[in-house]
Amino acid sequence: MFWLGVGIAAGVALSRKASNTARQATPAGLASNLGDAMRELASAVGAFGAEVRAGMTEREQELHETVTRQTGVPTRHVDAPRGRHAYGSERAARPTRAPQADG
């Protein structure tokens, strides 16, 4: 009885495996596999881009700190909003020409 049960279980498992393999060989199965691969690739590229941006931000912060430490001139930090220096003042407005008198 035991060996009969083992034989039936092995036959069912082998039959399911063969059916699954045959389904993957169909055009729909191949398209599904290709779609999954493309989603995985897009996810990997997105993760890589995020890591590159994080590394760039970290390196830029290091460079700002180095310049500030070596020159004593504060620079705009990465986390500071654009248009403001690290110490909080507005960027100097572009100088305008003084109105000239006619004549």
N, C-alpha and C. Protein backbone atom coordinates (compact mmCIF):
# COMPACT_ATOMS: atom_id res chain seq x y z
N MET A 1 0.80 -1.19 0.00
CA MET A 1 0.00 0.00 0.00
C MET A 1 0.85 1.27 0.00
N PHE A 2 1.94 1.23 0.82
CA PHE A 2 2.81 2.40 0.91
C PHE A 2 3.38 2.77 -0.45
N TRP A 3 3.94 1.77 -1.17
CA TRP A 3 4.56 2.06 -2.45
C TRP A 3 3.53 2.50 -3.49
N LEU A 4 2.35 2.03 -3.38
CA LEU A 4 1.29 2.47 -4.28
C LEU A 4 1.00 3.96 -4.06
N GLY A 5 0.93 4.37 -2.81
CA GLY A 5 0.71 5.79 -2.48
C GLY A 5 1.85 6.66 -2.96
N VAL A 6 3.09 6.21 -2.79
CA VAL A 6 4.26 6.95 -3.25
C VAL A 6 4.23 7.08 -4.77
N GLY A 7 3.86 6.02 -5.45
CA GLY A 7 3.79 6.04 -6.92
C GLY A 7 2.72 7.00 -7.42
N ILE A 8 1.57 7.01 -6.78
CA ILE A 8 0.49 7.92 -7.18
C ILE A 8 0.91 9.37 -6.93
N ALA A 9 1.52 9.67 -5.77
CA ALA A 9 1.96 11.04 -5.45
C ALA A 9 3.03 11.50 -6.45
N ALA A 10 3.97 10.61 -6.78
CA ALA A 10 5.01 10.97 -7.74
C ALA A 10 4.40 11.20 -9.12
N GLY A 11 3.43 10.41 -9.51
CA GLY A 11 2.77 10.58 -10.81
C GLY A 11 2.02 11.89 -10.90
N VAL A 12 1.32 12.27 -9.83
CA VAL A 12 0.58 13.54 -9.81
C VAL A 12 1.57 14.71 -9.88
N ALA A 13 2.65 14.64 -9.10
CA ALA A 13 3.64 15.73 -9.10
C ALA A 13 4.29 15.86 -10.47
N LEU A 14 4.66 14.74 -11.07
CA LEU A 14 5.28 14.76 -12.40
C LEU A 14 4.32 15.28 -13.46
N SER A 15 3.06 14.89 -13.35
CA SER A 15 2.04 15.35 -14.30
C SER A 15 1.85 16.86 -14.20
N ARG A 16 1.79 17.40 -13.00
CA ARG A 16 1.64 18.85 -12.81
C ARG A 16 2.86 19.60 -13.34
N LYS A 17 4.04 19.08 -13.09
CA LYS A 17 5.28 19.71 -13.56
C LYS A 17 5.31 19.74 -15.09
N ALA A 18 4.94 18.63 -15.72
CA ALA A 18 4.92 18.57 -17.19
C ALA A 18 3.87 19.51 -17.76
N SER A 19 2.72 19.59 -17.13
CA SER A 19 1.66 20.50 -17.58
C SER A 19 2.09 21.95 -17.46
N ASN A 20 2.75 22.31 -16.37
CA ASN A 20 3.23 23.66 -16.17
C ASN A 20 4.31 24.03 -17.19
N THR A 21 5.20 23.12 -17.47
CA THR A 21 6.26 23.35 -18.46
C THR A 21 5.66 23.52 -19.85
N ALA A 22 4.67 22.71 -20.18
CA ALA A 22 4.02 22.81 -21.49
C ALA A 22 3.28 24.14 -21.62
N ARG A 23 2.66 24.61 -20.55
CA ARG A 23 1.94 25.89 -20.58
C ARG A 23 2.92 27.06 -20.78
N GLN A 24 4.11 26.97 -20.18
CA GLN A 24 5.09 28.03 -20.33
C GLN A 24 5.67 28.07 -21.74
N ALA A 25 5.59 26.97 -22.48
CA ALA A 25 6.12 26.92 -23.84
C ALA A 25 5.14 27.50 -24.86
N THR A 26 3.92 27.80 -24.45
CA THR A 26 2.95 28.39 -25.38
C THR A 26 3.25 29.87 -25.55
N PRO A 27 2.76 30.51 -26.63
CA PRO A 27 3.00 31.95 -26.81
C PRO A 27 2.50 32.79 -25.63
N ALA A 28 1.37 32.44 -25.06
CA ALA A 28 0.87 33.19 -23.90
C ALA A 28 1.80 33.04 -22.70
N GLY A 29 2.31 31.85 -22.50
CA GLY A 29 3.25 31.61 -21.40
C GLY A 29 4.56 32.35 -21.60
N LEU A 30 5.06 32.36 -22.84
CA LEU A 30 6.28 33.09 -23.14
C LEU A 30 6.08 34.59 -22.94
N ALA A 31 4.93 35.12 -23.38
CA ALA A 31 4.64 36.54 -23.20
C ALA A 31 4.56 36.89 -21.72
N SER A 32 3.97 36.02 -20.95
CA SER A 32 3.88 36.25 -19.51
C SER A 32 5.28 36.29 -18.88
N ASN A 33 6.13 35.34 -19.28
CA ASN A 33 7.50 35.32 -18.77
C ASN A 33 8.26 36.57 -19.19
N LEU A 34 8.06 37.00 -20.43
CA LEU A 34 8.74 38.19 -20.91
C LEU A 34 8.25 39.43 -20.16
N GLY A 35 6.94 39.51 -19.92
CA GLY A 35 6.39 40.63 -19.16
C GLY A 35 6.95 40.69 -17.75
N ASP A 36 7.05 39.53 -17.12
CA ASP A 36 7.62 39.48 -15.77
C ASP A 36 9.08 39.91 -15.79
N ALA A 37 9.82 39.47 -16.79
CA ALA A 37 11.23 39.85 -16.90
C ALA A 37 11.39 41.35 -17.12
N MET A 38 10.52 41.94 -17.94
CA MET A 38 10.60 43.38 -18.20
C MET A 38 10.27 44.18 -16.93
N ARG A 39 9.27 43.74 -16.17
CA ARG A 39 8.93 44.42 -14.91
C ARG A 39 10.10 44.33 -13.93
N GLU A 40 10.72 43.18 -13.87
CA GLU A 40 11.87 43.00 -12.98
C GLU A 40 13.03 43.90 -13.40
N LEU A 41 13.27 43.99 -14.72
CA LEU A 41 14.34 44.84 -15.23
C LEU A 41 14.05 46.31 -14.93
N ALA A 42 12.82 46.74 -15.15
CA ALA A 42 12.44 48.13 -14.87
C ALA A 42 12.62 48.45 -13.39
N SER A 43 12.26 47.52 -12.54
CA SER A 43 12.43 47.71 -11.10
C SER A 43 13.91 47.83 -10.74
N ALA A 44 14.74 46.98 -11.35
CA ALA A 44 16.17 47.02 -11.07
C ALA A 44 16.79 48.33 -11.56
N VAL A 45 16.37 48.80 -12.73
CA VAL A 45 16.89 50.06 -13.26
C VAL A 45 16.46 51.22 -12.36
N GLY A 46 15.21 51.20 -11.91
CA GLY A 46 14.74 52.23 -11.00
C GLY A 46 15.51 52.24 -9.69
N ALA A 47 15.77 51.07 -9.15
CA ALA A 47 16.53 50.98 -7.90
C ALA A 47 17.96 51.47 -8.11
N PHE A 48 18.55 51.11 -9.25
CA PHE A 48 19.90 51.57 -9.55
C PHE A 48 19.93 53.10 -9.65
N GLY A 49 18.95 53.68 -10.34
CA GLY A 49 18.88 55.13 -10.46
C GLY A 49 18.74 55.81 -9.11
N ALA A 50 17.93 55.24 -8.24
CA ALA A 50 17.76 55.80 -6.90
C ALA A 50 19.07 55.75 -6.11
N GLU A 51 19.80 54.65 -6.25
CA GLU A 51 21.08 54.54 -5.56
C GLU A 51 22.10 55.53 -6.10
N VAL A 52 22.11 55.73 -7.41
CA VAL A 52 23.02 56.69 -8.01
C VAL A 52 22.70 58.10 -7.52
N ARG A 53 21.40 58.46 -7.52
CA ARG A 53 21.01 59.79 -7.04
C ARG A 53 21.39 59.99 -5.58
N ALA A 54 21.20 58.96 -4.75
CA ALA A 54 21.57 59.05 -3.34
C ALA A 54 23.08 59.24 -3.19
N GLY A 55 23.84 58.52 -3.98
CA GLY A 55 25.30 58.67 -3.94
C GLY A 55 25.75 60.04 -4.40
N MET A 56 25.09 60.56 -5.44
CA MET A 56 25.43 61.90 -5.92
C MET A 56 25.13 62.95 -4.86
N THR A 57 24.01 62.82 -4.19
CA THR A 57 23.63 63.77 -3.14
C THR A 57 24.62 63.71 -1.99
N GLU A 58 25.00 62.50 -1.61
CA GLU A 58 25.96 62.33 -0.53
C GLU A 58 27.31 62.95 -0.90
N ARG A 59 27.75 62.70 -2.12
CA ARG A 59 29.05 63.24 -2.56
C ARG A 59 28.99 64.76 -2.64
N GLU A 60 27.89 65.32 -3.14
CA GLU A 60 27.75 66.76 -3.22
C GLU A 60 27.81 67.38 -1.82
N GLN A 61 27.17 66.74 -0.86
CA GLN A 61 27.21 67.22 0.52
C GLN A 61 28.64 67.21 1.04
N GLU A 62 29.38 66.13 0.76
CA GLU A 62 30.78 66.05 1.18
C GLU A 62 31.60 67.17 0.57
N LEU A 63 31.37 67.45 -0.72
CA LEU A 63 32.12 68.51 -1.38
C LEU A 63 31.80 69.88 -0.79
N HIS A 64 30.52 70.14 -0.50
CA HIS A 64 30.14 71.41 0.13
C HIS A 64 30.83 71.55 1.48
N GLU A 65 30.83 70.49 2.26
CA GLU A 65 31.46 70.54 3.58
C GLU A 65 32.96 70.76 3.46
N THR A 66 33.61 70.13 2.49
CA THR A 66 35.04 70.30 2.29
C THR A 66 35.37 71.74 1.89
N VAL A 67 34.60 72.29 0.96
CA VAL A 67 34.85 73.67 0.54
C VAL A 67 34.66 74.62 1.71
N THR A 68 33.59 74.42 2.47
CA THR A 68 33.33 75.29 3.62
C THR A 68 34.45 75.18 4.65
N ARG A 69 34.89 73.96 4.92
CA ARG A 69 35.94 73.75 5.91
C ARG A 69 37.27 74.34 5.46
N GLN A 70 37.62 74.19 4.18
CA GLN A 70 38.93 74.64 3.72
C GLN A 70 38.97 76.13 3.39
N THR A 71 37.87 76.70 2.96
CA THR A 71 37.89 78.10 2.56
C THR A 71 37.20 79.01 3.56
N GLY A 72 36.35 78.46 4.40
CA GLY A 72 35.59 79.27 5.34
C GLY A 72 34.39 79.94 4.69
N VAL A 73 34.17 79.68 3.40
CA VAL A 73 33.04 80.27 2.68
C VAL A 73 31.90 79.26 2.67
N PRO A 74 30.78 79.62 3.31
CA PRO A 74 29.67 78.66 3.31
C PRO A 74 29.08 78.51 1.91
N THR A 75 28.72 77.30 1.58
CA THR A 75 28.11 77.03 0.29
C THR A 75 26.69 76.56 0.52
N ARG A 76 25.92 76.53 -0.55
CA ARG A 76 24.55 76.04 -0.46
C ARG A 76 24.58 74.54 -0.22
N HIS A 77 23.95 74.10 0.85
CA HIS A 77 23.88 72.67 1.14
C HIS A 77 22.78 72.03 0.31
N VAL A 78 22.90 70.73 0.10
CA VAL A 78 21.95 69.97 -0.71
C VAL A 78 20.55 70.06 -0.13
N ASP A 79 20.44 70.02 1.21
CA ASP A 79 19.11 70.01 1.81
C ASP A 79 18.50 71.41 1.91
N ALA A 80 19.26 72.45 1.59
CA ALA A 80 18.71 73.80 1.62
C ALA A 80 17.87 74.01 0.36
N PRO A 81 16.76 74.73 0.49
CA PRO A 81 15.95 74.97 -0.70
C PRO A 81 16.71 75.79 -1.73
N ARG A 82 16.40 75.58 -2.98
CA ARG A 82 17.06 76.35 -4.03
C ARG A 82 16.77 77.82 -3.82
N GLY A 83 17.75 78.65 -4.12
CA GLY A 83 17.58 80.09 -3.96
C GLY A 83 18.03 80.58 -2.60
N ARG A 84 18.41 79.69 -1.71
CA ARG A 84 18.89 80.08 -0.39
C ARG A 84 20.23 79.42 -0.15
N HIS A 85 21.11 80.14 0.52
CA HIS A 85 22.38 79.56 0.92
C HIS A 85 22.17 78.77 2.20
N ALA A 86 23.18 78.04 2.58
CA ALA A 86 23.06 77.21 3.77
C ALA A 86 22.79 78.04 5.01
N TYR A 87 23.30 79.27 5.05
CA TYR A 87 23.11 80.09 6.23
C TYR A 87 21.80 80.86 6.18
N GLY A 88 20.94 80.63 5.16
CA GLY A 88 19.57 81.11 5.18
C GLY A 88 19.27 82.40 4.48
N SER A 89 20.26 83.13 4.00
CA SER A 89 19.95 84.41 3.35
C SER A 89 19.55 84.17 1.91
N GLU A 90 18.80 85.09 1.38
CA GLU A 90 18.40 85.01 -0.03
C GLU A 90 19.64 85.26 -0.89
N ARG A 91 19.64 84.69 -2.05
CA ARG A 91 20.71 84.98 -2.98
C ARG A 91 20.63 86.44 -3.37
N ALA A 92 21.77 87.01 -3.60
CA ALA A 92 21.80 88.42 -3.97
C ALA A 92 21.09 88.59 -5.30
N ALA A 93 20.26 89.59 -5.34
CA ALA A 93 19.55 89.87 -6.59
C ALA A 93 20.55 90.40 -7.61
N ARG A 94 20.25 90.17 -8.85
CA ARG A 94 21.10 90.65 -9.93
C ARG A 94 21.13 92.18 -9.87
N PRO A 95 22.32 92.78 -9.88
CA PRO A 95 22.38 94.23 -9.79
C PRO A 95 21.69 94.88 -10.99
N THR A 96 21.00 95.94 -10.71
CA THR A 96 20.32 96.65 -11.78
C THR A 96 21.07 97.94 -12.06
N ARG A 97 20.93 98.44 -13.26
CA ARG A 97 21.59 99.69 -13.60
C ARG A 97 20.86 100.85 -12.94
N ALA A 98 21.65 101.79 -12.54
CA ALA A 98 21.06 103.00 -11.96
C ALA A 98 20.46 103.82 -13.12
N PRO A 99 19.31 104.39 -12.93
CA PRO A 99 18.75 105.19 -14.01
C PRO A 99 19.64 106.37 -14.35
N GLN A 100 19.87 106.55 -15.61
CA GLN A 100 20.73 107.66 -16.04
C GLN A 100 19.87 108.85 -16.38
N ALA A 101 20.41 110.00 -16.01
CA ALA A 101 19.69 111.24 -16.31
C ALA A 101 19.83 111.58 -17.77
N ASP A 102 18.73 112.03 -18.38
CA ASP A 102 18.80 112.42 -19.79
C ASP A 102 19.54 113.74 -19.88
N GLY A 103 20.46 113.79 -20.78
CA GLY A 103 20.93 115.04 -21.08
C GLY A 103 22.12 115.66 -20.90
